[in-house]
Structures are given as structure tokens and as C-alpha cells.
Amino acid sequence: MAETTTIQVDKIVLRALNQIKDHPRQTYNEIIAKAVDIFKKHKIKNQYDEFLHKIQQQKMKELWNNKEDEAWNNA
């Protein structure tokens, strides 16, 4: 048997948990586990997006900061 614990949540959080149930008999543990899984996946995706953005920054500087573009701005 898995170890269990008791946590306290505000009533507004409890109502929110009840609203996002997939089915009426779904436990709070299942809801929280699913939320944690979604959060982890989102965090990993966000880290990947930030990584790509950092890689692209240097190339974008090369493409956008050049004398040809400055000449067009002053035309």
C-alpha cells in the first residue's frame, strides 16, 4: 500500500479540483498527479523553446544588424 498524507487546501482550490474532474469518481490524488504531469511536460517544452530562442538570437543579430539594412532605413 502506498504511503498517504493529508494536505490542506483552500475551499476555492477544492472547488477548482472538483470542476476539472474527468469523471465523478476520480480521486483528488488522480487529479493532482495529472496536473503535475502536465506541468512537467509544459516546463520541459518551455525549456526547449528558450533553448531554441537563445540559439537563434545570434543568427538574428547577424541578419538584422547589418549595414545594408541601415542604408535602407536612411533612404
C-alpha atoms as a PDB file:
ATOM      1  CA  MET A   1       0.000   0.000   0.000  1.00  0.00           C
ATOM      2  CA  ALA A   2       1.301   3.443  -0.911  1.00  0.00           C
ATOM      3  CA  GLU A   3       2.040   5.943   1.787  1.00  0.00           C
ATOM      4  CA  THR A   4      -0.551   8.670   2.053  1.00  0.00           C
ATOM      5  CA  THR A   5      -0.641  12.047   3.686  1.00  0.00           C
ATOM      6  CA  THR A   6      -3.197  14.715   4.392  1.00  0.00           C
ATOM      7  CA  ILE A   7      -2.842  18.155   2.873  1.00  0.00           C
ATOM      8  CA  GLN A   8      -4.855  21.270   3.459  1.00  0.00           C
ATOM      9  CA  VAL A   9      -6.199  23.239   0.516  1.00  0.00           C
ATOM     10  CA  ASP A  10      -8.356  26.330   0.384  1.00  0.00           C
ATOM     11  CA  LYS A  11     -12.020  25.755  -0.423  1.00  0.00           C
ATOM     12  CA  ILE A  12     -11.574  27.624  -3.702  1.00  0.00           C
ATOM     13  CA  VAL A  13      -8.875  25.102  -4.704  1.00  0.00           C
ATOM     14  CA  LEU A  14     -11.147  22.247  -3.702  1.00  0.00           C
ATOM     15  CA  ARG A  15     -13.937  23.653  -5.903  1.00  0.00           C
ATOM     16  CA  ALA A  16     -11.482  24.009  -8.777  1.00  0.00           C
ATOM     17  CA  LEU A  17     -10.370  20.392  -8.355  1.00  0.00           C
ATOM     18  CA  ASN A  18     -13.995  19.276  -8.419  1.00  0.00           C
ATOM     19  CA  GLN A  19     -14.613  21.250 -11.619  1.00  0.00           C
ATOM     20  CA  ILE A  20     -11.763  19.644 -13.519  1.00  0.00           C
ATOM     21  CA  LYS A  21     -12.627  16.030 -12.730  1.00  0.00           C
ATOM     22  CA  ASP A  22     -12.752  13.786 -15.788  1.00  0.00           C
ATOM     23  CA  HIS A  23     -15.429  11.662 -14.124  1.00  0.00           C
ATOM     24  CA  PRO A  24     -17.328  11.942 -10.815  1.00  0.00           C
ATOM     25  CA  ARG A  25     -15.416   9.156  -9.042  1.00  0.00           C
ATOM     26  CA  GLN A  26     -11.973  10.490  -9.958  1.00  0.00           C
ATOM     27  CA  THR A  27      -9.875  10.991  -6.828  1.00  0.00           C
ATOM     28  CA  TYR A  28      -8.092  14.178  -5.877  1.00  0.00           C
ATOM     29  CA  ASN A  29      -4.854  12.209  -5.988  1.00  0.00           C
ATOM     30  CA  GLU A  30      -5.504  11.320  -9.646  1.00  0.00           C
ATOM     31  CA  ILE A  31      -6.336  14.943 -10.481  1.00  0.00           C
ATOM     32  CA  ILE A  32      -3.220  16.288  -8.767  1.00  0.00           C
ATOM     33  CA  ALA A  33      -0.998  13.617 -10.356  1.00  0.00           C
ATOM     34  CA  LYS A  34      -2.378  14.517 -13.793  1.00  0.00           C
ATOM     35  CA  ALA A  35      -1.823  18.241 -13.125  1.00  0.00           C
ATOM     36  CA  VAL A  36       1.765  17.587 -12.032  1.00  0.00           C
ATOM     37  CA  ASP A  37       2.403  15.537 -15.188  1.00  0.00           C
ATOM     38  CA  ILE A  38       1.001  18.306 -17.410  1.00  0.00           C
ATOM     39  CA  PHE A  39       3.091  20.904 -15.572  1.00  0.00           C
ATOM     40  CA  LYS A  40       6.289  18.864 -16.015  1.00  0.00           C
ATOM     41  CA  LYS A  41       5.669  18.414 -19.742  1.00  0.00           C
ATOM     42  CA  HIS A  42       4.947  22.122 -20.145  1.00  0.00           C
ATOM     43  CA  LYS A  43       8.107  23.044 -18.239  1.00  0.00           C
ATOM     44  CA  ILE A  44      10.248  20.771 -20.426  1.00  0.00           C
ATOM     45  CA  LYS A  45       8.670  22.224 -23.579  1.00  0.00           C
ATOM     46  CA  ASN A  46       9.232  25.748 -22.295  1.00  0.00           C
ATOM     47  CA  GLN A  47      12.906  24.979 -21.590  1.00  0.00           C
ATOM     48  CA  TYR A  48      13.267  23.664 -25.156  1.00  0.00           C
ATOM     49  CA  ASP A  49      11.661  26.821 -26.571  1.00  0.00           C
ATOM     50  CA  GLU A  50      14.010  29.020 -24.515  1.00  0.00           C
ATOM     51  CA  PHE A  51      16.986  26.964 -25.729  1.00  0.00           C
ATOM     52  CA  LEU A  52      15.969  27.436 -29.366  1.00  0.00           C
ATOM     53  CA  HIS A  53      15.424  31.148 -28.816  1.00  0.00           C
ATOM     54  CA  LYS A  54      18.941  31.571 -27.391  1.00  0.00           C
ATOM     55  CA  ILE A  55      20.457  29.688 -30.321  1.00  0.00           C
ATOM     56  CA  GLN A  56      18.556  31.811 -32.823  1.00  0.00           C
ATOM     57  CA  GLN A  57      19.450  35.143 -31.201  1.00  0.00           C
ATOM     58  CA  GLN A  58      22.987  35.252 -32.612  1.00  0.00           C
ATOM     59  CA  LYS A  59      21.854  34.441 -36.149  1.00  0.00           C
ATOM     60  CA  MET A  60      19.076  37.022 -35.950  1.00  0.00           C
ATOM     61  CA  LYS A  61      21.615  39.662 -34.875  1.00  0.00           C
ATOM     62  CA  GLU A  62      23.721  38.773 -37.927  1.00  0.00           C
ATOM     63  CA  LEU A  63      20.725  39.049 -40.229  1.00  0.00           C
ATOM     64  CA  TRP A  64      19.168  42.171 -38.766  1.00  0.00           C
ATOM     65  CA  ASN A  65      22.179  44.228 -37.686  1.00  0.00           C
ATOM     66  CA  ASN A  66      23.958  44.890 -40.933  1.00  0.00           C
ATOM     67  CA  LYS A  67      24.945  47.949 -42.926  1.00  0.00           C
ATOM     68  CA  GLU A  68      22.606  47.147 -45.837  1.00  0.00           C
ATOM     69  CA  ASP A  69      19.571  47.439 -43.575  1.00  0.00           C
ATOM     70  CA  GLU A  70      20.889  50.665 -42.076  1.00  0.00           C
ATOM     71  CA  ALA A  71      21.262  52.113 -45.576  1.00  0.00           C
ATOM     72  CA  TRP A  72      17.594  51.343 -46.340  1.00  0.00           C
ATOM     73  CA  ASN A  73      16.498  52.960 -43.073  1.00  0.00           C
ATOM     74  CA  ASN A  74      18.240  56.183 -44.073  1.00  0.00           C
ATOM     75  CA  ALA A  75      16.985  56.208 -47.680  1.00  0.00           C
END
